[in-house]
């Protein structure tokens, strides 16, 4: 959650989550587990993040690139929008709430 584009789009994702309480928003942190108490939790509190945050603490996190999407370069931010039937991958920063809502709408319609 430390990359500048990730931090920049967090308020957009949080606004989407607030406006859509029936949608599960899960944020995945690629930070180091040793930083949980000193950096990650304070960051979550400081940014007012209410969505679920999970820590990908695999020592070789690069192995997840192909598991998630073989076309993913590994750059962040990276967003997956999905339900039981459809899935879309977004290797970019969402610019505003409308941008995110459009992608969600396009995924499911």
N, C-alpha and C. Protein backbone atom coordinates (compact mmCIF):
# COMPACT_ATOMS: atom_id res chain seq x y z
N UNK A 1 0.81 -1.20 0.00
CA UNK A 1 0.00 0.00 0.00
C UNK A 1 0.86 1.26 0.00
N UNK A 2 2.14 1.10 -0.11
CA UNK A 2 3.05 2.24 -0.02
C UNK A 2 3.30 2.95 -1.32
N UNK A 3 2.99 2.33 -2.46
CA UNK A 3 3.32 2.98 -3.73
C UNK A 3 2.45 4.22 -3.92
N UNK A 4 3.02 5.25 -4.51
CA UNK A 4 2.32 6.53 -4.66
C UNK A 4 0.97 6.39 -5.38
N UNK A 5 0.89 5.68 -6.52
CA UNK A 5 -0.41 5.51 -7.17
C UNK A 5 -1.41 4.73 -6.31
N UNK A 6 -0.92 3.77 -5.55
CA UNK A 6 -1.80 3.00 -4.66
C UNK A 6 -2.39 3.92 -3.59
N UNK A 7 -1.54 4.71 -2.98
CA UNK A 7 -1.98 5.64 -1.93
C UNK A 7 -2.95 6.65 -2.52
N UNK A 8 -2.67 7.11 -3.73
CA UNK A 8 -3.52 8.11 -4.37
C UNK A 8 -4.92 7.57 -4.64
N UNK A 9 -5.04 6.29 -5.01
CA UNK A 9 -6.37 5.77 -5.33
C UNK A 9 -7.10 5.19 -4.13
N UNK A 10 -6.46 5.11 -2.98
CA UNK A 10 -7.13 4.57 -1.80
C UNK A 10 -8.43 5.31 -1.46
N UNK A 11 -8.45 6.65 -1.47
CA UNK A 11 -9.72 7.33 -1.18
C UNK A 11 -10.82 6.98 -2.18
N UNK A 12 -10.46 6.74 -3.41
CA UNK A 12 -11.44 6.36 -4.43
C UNK A 12 -12.03 4.99 -4.10
N UNK A 13 -11.17 4.05 -3.76
CA UNK A 13 -11.62 2.71 -3.43
C UNK A 13 -12.45 2.74 -2.16
N UNK A 14 -12.04 3.54 -1.18
CA UNK A 14 -12.80 3.63 0.07
C UNK A 14 -14.17 4.28 -0.16
N UNK A 15 -14.24 5.26 -1.03
CA UNK A 15 -15.53 5.89 -1.34
C UNK A 15 -16.44 4.89 -2.04
N UNK A 16 -15.87 4.10 -2.96
CA UNK A 16 -16.65 3.07 -3.62
C UNK A 16 -17.18 2.07 -2.59
N UNK A 17 -16.33 1.64 -1.67
CA UNK A 17 -16.75 0.68 -0.64
C UNK A 17 -17.86 1.27 0.22
N UNK A 18 -17.74 2.53 0.59
CA UNK A 18 -18.76 3.19 1.42
C UNK A 18 -20.09 3.29 0.67
N UNK A 19 -20.04 3.59 -0.62
CA UNK A 19 -21.25 3.73 -1.43
C UNK A 19 -21.87 2.40 -1.82
N UNK A 20 -21.12 1.32 -1.66
CA UNK A 20 -21.57 -0.02 -2.09
C UNK A 20 -21.35 -1.03 -0.96
N UNK A 21 -22.10 -0.92 0.14
CA UNK A 21 -21.85 -1.79 1.29
C UNK A 21 -22.09 -3.28 1.00
N UNK A 22 -22.78 -3.58 -0.09
CA UNK A 22 -23.02 -4.98 -0.46
C UNK A 22 -21.85 -5.59 -1.23
N UNK A 23 -20.83 -4.80 -1.52
CA UNK A 23 -19.65 -5.26 -2.25
C UNK A 23 -18.51 -5.44 -1.26
N UNK A 24 -17.85 -6.59 -1.31
CA UNK A 24 -16.67 -6.82 -0.48
C UNK A 24 -15.45 -6.22 -1.15
N UNK A 25 -14.81 -5.28 -0.48
CA UNK A 25 -13.58 -4.69 -0.97
C UNK A 25 -12.46 -5.20 -0.07
N UNK A 26 -11.48 -5.85 -0.69
CA UNK A 26 -10.35 -6.39 0.05
C UNK A 26 -9.08 -5.78 -0.52
N UNK A 27 -8.29 -5.18 0.34
CA UNK A 27 -7.01 -4.61 -0.07
C UNK A 27 -5.90 -5.59 0.29
N UNK A 28 -4.96 -5.77 -0.61
CA UNK A 28 -3.86 -6.70 -0.38
C UNK A 28 -2.58 -5.89 -0.23
N UNK A 29 -1.95 -6.06 0.91
CA UNK A 29 -0.69 -5.38 1.18
C UNK A 29 0.47 -6.30 0.80
N UNK A 30 1.43 -5.74 0.12
CA UNK A 30 2.64 -6.49 -0.23
C UNK A 30 3.80 -6.08 0.66
N UNK A 31 3.48 -5.42 1.76
CA UNK A 31 4.50 -4.95 2.69
C UNK A 31 5.12 -6.11 3.46
N UNK A 32 6.17 -5.81 4.18
CA UNK A 32 6.88 -6.83 4.95
C UNK A 32 6.14 -7.12 6.26
N UNK A 33 5.97 -8.39 6.60
CA UNK A 33 5.28 -8.75 7.85
C UNK A 33 5.90 -8.09 9.08
N UNK A 34 7.19 -7.87 9.07
CA UNK A 34 7.86 -7.25 10.22
C UNK A 34 7.38 -5.81 10.45
N UNK A 35 6.77 -5.22 9.44
CA UNK A 35 6.30 -3.83 9.54
C UNK A 35 4.83 -3.72 9.96
N UNK A 36 4.22 -4.84 10.32
CA UNK A 36 2.79 -4.84 10.64
C UNK A 36 2.44 -3.82 11.73
N UNK A 37 3.11 -3.88 12.84
CA UNK A 37 2.77 -3.00 13.97
C UNK A 37 3.30 -1.59 13.81
N UNK A 38 4.47 -1.45 13.20
CA UNK A 38 5.11 -0.13 13.14
C UNK A 38 4.72 0.71 11.93
N UNK A 39 4.33 0.06 10.83
CA UNK A 39 4.02 0.80 9.61
C UNK A 39 2.63 0.52 9.05
N UNK A 40 2.28 -0.76 8.92
CA UNK A 40 1.04 -1.12 8.23
C UNK A 40 -0.19 -0.69 9.03
N UNK A 41 -0.27 -1.10 10.29
CA UNK A 41 -1.44 -0.73 11.10
C UNK A 41 -1.55 0.78 11.27
N UNK A 42 -0.45 1.50 11.55
CA UNK A 42 -0.57 2.97 11.63
C UNK A 42 -1.02 3.59 10.31
N UNK A 43 -0.56 3.07 9.18
CA UNK A 43 -0.97 3.57 7.87
C UNK A 43 -2.47 3.37 7.67
N UNK A 44 -2.96 2.18 8.00
CA UNK A 44 -4.38 1.88 7.85
C UNK A 44 -5.21 2.83 8.72
N UNK A 45 -4.78 3.05 9.93
CA UNK A 45 -5.50 3.95 10.84
C UNK A 45 -5.44 5.39 10.33
N UNK A 46 -4.25 5.84 9.93
CA UNK A 46 -4.05 7.21 9.46
C UNK A 46 -4.90 7.51 8.22
N UNK A 47 -5.03 6.54 7.33
CA UNK A 47 -5.79 6.73 6.09
C UNK A 47 -7.28 6.45 6.26
N UNK A 48 -7.68 6.02 7.46
CA UNK A 48 -9.10 5.76 7.71
C UNK A 48 -9.65 4.61 6.88
N UNK A 49 -8.84 3.60 6.66
CA UNK A 49 -9.24 2.45 5.84
C UNK A 49 -10.14 1.54 6.66
N UNK A 50 -11.34 1.28 6.15
CA UNK A 50 -12.30 0.41 6.83
C UNK A 50 -12.48 -0.91 6.10
N UNK A 51 -11.96 -1.02 4.91
CA UNK A 51 -12.05 -2.27 4.16
C UNK A 51 -11.11 -3.30 4.78
N UNK A 52 -11.39 -4.55 4.48
CA UNK A 52 -10.51 -5.62 4.94
C UNK A 52 -9.16 -5.47 4.26
N UNK A 53 -8.09 -5.65 5.03
CA UNK A 53 -6.72 -5.61 4.50
C UNK A 53 -6.07 -6.94 4.83
N UNK A 54 -5.53 -7.59 3.81
CA UNK A 54 -4.78 -8.82 4.03
C UNK A 54 -3.33 -8.59 3.61
N UNK A 55 -2.45 -9.29 4.28
CA UNK A 55 -1.02 -9.17 4.01
C UNK A 55 -0.55 -10.40 3.25
N UNK A 56 -0.04 -10.19 2.06
CA UNK A 56 0.56 -11.28 1.29
C UNK A 56 1.99 -11.42 1.80
N UNK A 57 2.19 -12.39 2.67
CA UNK A 57 3.50 -12.51 3.31
C UNK A 57 4.34 -13.66 2.76
N UNK A 58 4.02 -14.06 1.54
CA UNK A 58 4.82 -15.08 0.87
C UNK A 58 6.21 -14.51 0.62
N UNK A 59 7.28 -15.19 1.04
CA UNK A 59 8.63 -14.65 0.82
C UNK A 59 8.97 -14.48 -0.66
N UNK A 60 8.28 -15.19 -1.53
CA UNK A 60 8.50 -15.04 -2.96
C UNK A 60 7.19 -14.56 -3.61
N UNK A 61 6.83 -13.32 -3.32
CA UNK A 61 5.54 -12.80 -3.79
C UNK A 61 5.46 -12.74 -5.31
N UNK A 62 6.58 -12.75 -6.00
CA UNK A 62 6.55 -12.72 -7.47
C UNK A 62 5.91 -13.97 -8.07
N UNK A 63 5.88 -15.07 -7.32
CA UNK A 63 5.24 -16.28 -7.83
C UNK A 63 3.74 -16.09 -7.99
N UNK A 64 3.20 -15.08 -7.32
CA UNK A 64 1.76 -14.81 -7.40
C UNK A 64 1.36 -14.15 -8.70
N UNK A 65 2.30 -13.57 -9.40
CA UNK A 65 1.98 -12.85 -10.64
C UNK A 65 1.27 -13.79 -11.61
N UNK A 66 1.87 -14.92 -11.94
CA UNK A 66 1.26 -15.86 -12.88
C UNK A 66 0.02 -16.52 -12.30
N UNK A 67 -0.01 -16.71 -10.97
CA UNK A 67 -1.18 -17.32 -10.34
C UNK A 67 -2.40 -16.40 -10.47
N UNK A 68 -2.17 -15.12 -10.38
CA UNK A 68 -3.27 -14.16 -10.44
C UNK A 68 -3.68 -13.90 -11.89
N UNK A 69 -2.69 -13.60 -12.72
CA UNK A 69 -2.96 -13.35 -14.14
C UNK A 69 -1.64 -13.42 -14.90
N UNK A 70 -1.47 -14.39 -15.79
CA UNK A 70 -0.22 -14.53 -16.54
C UNK A 70 0.14 -13.29 -17.36
N UNK A 71 -0.82 -12.44 -17.67
CA UNK A 71 -0.55 -11.24 -18.44
C UNK A 71 -0.11 -10.05 -17.58
N UNK A 72 -0.13 -10.23 -16.25
CA UNK A 72 0.24 -9.15 -15.34
C UNK A 72 1.75 -8.99 -15.31
N UNK A 73 2.23 -7.77 -15.49
CA UNK A 73 3.68 -7.50 -15.47
C UNK A 73 4.24 -7.54 -14.06
N UNK A 74 3.36 -7.44 -13.06
CA UNK A 74 3.80 -7.39 -11.67
C UNK A 74 3.79 -5.97 -11.11
N UNK A 75 3.51 -4.99 -11.96
CA UNK A 75 3.49 -3.61 -11.47
C UNK A 75 2.22 -3.35 -10.65
N UNK A 76 2.32 -2.37 -9.79
CA UNK A 76 1.19 -1.98 -8.96
C UNK A 76 0.91 -0.50 -9.16
N UNK A 77 -0.32 -0.06 -8.98
CA UNK A 77 -1.45 -0.81 -8.45
C UNK A 77 -2.02 -1.80 -9.47
N UNK A 78 -2.62 -2.82 -8.93
CA UNK A 78 -3.27 -3.86 -9.72
C UNK A 78 -4.57 -4.21 -9.03
N UNK A 79 -5.66 -4.17 -9.76
CA UNK A 79 -6.98 -4.40 -9.18
C UNK A 79 -7.67 -5.55 -9.90
N UNK A 80 -8.28 -6.41 -9.12
CA UNK A 80 -9.10 -7.48 -9.67
C UNK A 80 -10.54 -7.20 -9.26
N UNK A 81 -11.42 -7.16 -10.22
CA UNK A 81 -12.85 -6.99 -9.97
C UNK A 81 -13.50 -8.30 -10.38
N UNK A 82 -14.24 -8.92 -9.44
CA UNK A 82 -14.80 -10.22 -9.80
C UNK A 82 -16.05 -10.56 -8.98
N UNK A 83 -16.79 -11.50 -9.54
CA UNK A 83 -17.87 -12.19 -8.83
C UNK A 83 -17.74 -13.66 -9.20
N UNK A 84 -18.78 -14.44 -8.94
CA UNK A 84 -18.69 -15.88 -9.22
C UNK A 84 -18.60 -16.20 -10.71
N UNK A 85 -19.03 -15.28 -11.57
CA UNK A 85 -19.10 -15.57 -13.00
C UNK A 85 -18.06 -14.85 -13.84
N UNK A 86 -17.65 -13.67 -13.43
CA UNK A 86 -16.76 -12.86 -14.26
C UNK A 86 -15.61 -12.28 -13.44
N UNK A 87 -14.55 -11.97 -14.16
CA UNK A 87 -13.36 -11.40 -13.53
C UNK A 87 -12.69 -10.46 -14.52
N UNK A 88 -12.23 -9.31 -14.01
CA UNK A 88 -11.46 -8.39 -14.85
C UNK A 88 -10.24 -7.92 -14.08
N UNK A 89 -9.17 -7.66 -14.82
CA UNK A 89 -7.89 -7.27 -14.24
C UNK A 89 -7.52 -5.88 -14.72
N UNK A 90 -7.00 -5.06 -13.81
CA UNK A 90 -6.69 -3.67 -14.13
C UNK A 90 -5.32 -3.31 -13.58
N UNK A 91 -4.38 -3.21 -14.49
CA UNK A 91 -2.99 -2.88 -14.13
C UNK A 91 -2.80 -1.38 -14.33
N UNK A 92 -3.47 -0.61 -13.48
CA UNK A 92 -3.42 0.83 -13.59
C UNK A 92 -4.05 1.46 -12.35
N UNK A 93 -3.90 2.74 -12.24
CA UNK A 93 -4.50 3.51 -11.16
C UNK A 93 -5.88 4.01 -11.60
N UNK A 94 -6.87 3.89 -10.74
CA UNK A 94 -8.17 4.49 -11.03
C UNK A 94 -8.07 5.98 -10.73
N UNK A 95 -8.51 6.79 -11.69
CA UNK A 95 -8.35 8.25 -11.59
C UNK A 95 -9.38 8.92 -10.70
N UNK A 96 -10.59 8.34 -10.66
CA UNK A 96 -11.66 8.92 -9.85
C UNK A 96 -12.73 7.85 -9.64
N UNK A 97 -13.74 8.21 -8.86
CA UNK A 97 -14.80 7.25 -8.54
C UNK A 97 -15.54 6.78 -9.79
N UNK A 98 -15.82 7.68 -10.69
CA UNK A 98 -16.53 7.32 -11.93
C UNK A 98 -15.72 6.29 -12.73
N UNK A 99 -14.43 6.46 -12.77
CA UNK A 99 -13.54 5.54 -13.48
C UNK A 99 -13.68 4.13 -12.89
N UNK A 100 -13.63 4.03 -11.57
CA UNK A 100 -13.76 2.73 -10.91
C UNK A 100 -15.16 2.16 -11.12
N UNK A 101 -16.18 2.97 -10.95
CA UNK A 101 -17.55 2.50 -11.13
C UNK A 101 -17.78 1.99 -12.55
N UNK A 102 -17.21 2.67 -13.53
CA UNK A 102 -17.33 2.24 -14.92
C UNK A 102 -16.73 0.86 -15.12
N UNK A 103 -15.55 0.63 -14.55
CA UNK A 103 -14.92 -0.68 -14.70
C UNK A 103 -15.73 -1.78 -14.01
N UNK A 104 -16.26 -1.48 -12.85
CA UNK A 104 -17.10 -2.47 -12.15
C UNK A 104 -18.33 -2.76 -12.99
N UNK A 105 -18.98 -1.71 -13.48
CA UNK A 105 -20.18 -1.88 -14.30
C UNK A 105 -19.86 -2.70 -15.57
N UNK A 106 -18.75 -2.36 -16.23
CA UNK A 106 -18.37 -3.05 -17.45
C UNK A 106 -18.05 -4.53 -17.21
N UNK A 107 -17.52 -4.83 -16.04
CA UNK A 107 -17.19 -6.22 -15.71
C UNK A 107 -18.44 -7.07 -15.60
N UNK A 108 -19.49 -6.52 -15.05
CA UNK A 108 -20.67 -7.33 -14.73
C UNK A 108 -21.83 -7.16 -15.70
N UNK A 109 -21.68 -6.30 -16.68
CA UNK A 109 -22.76 -6.11 -17.66
C UNK A 109 -22.29 -6.37 -19.07
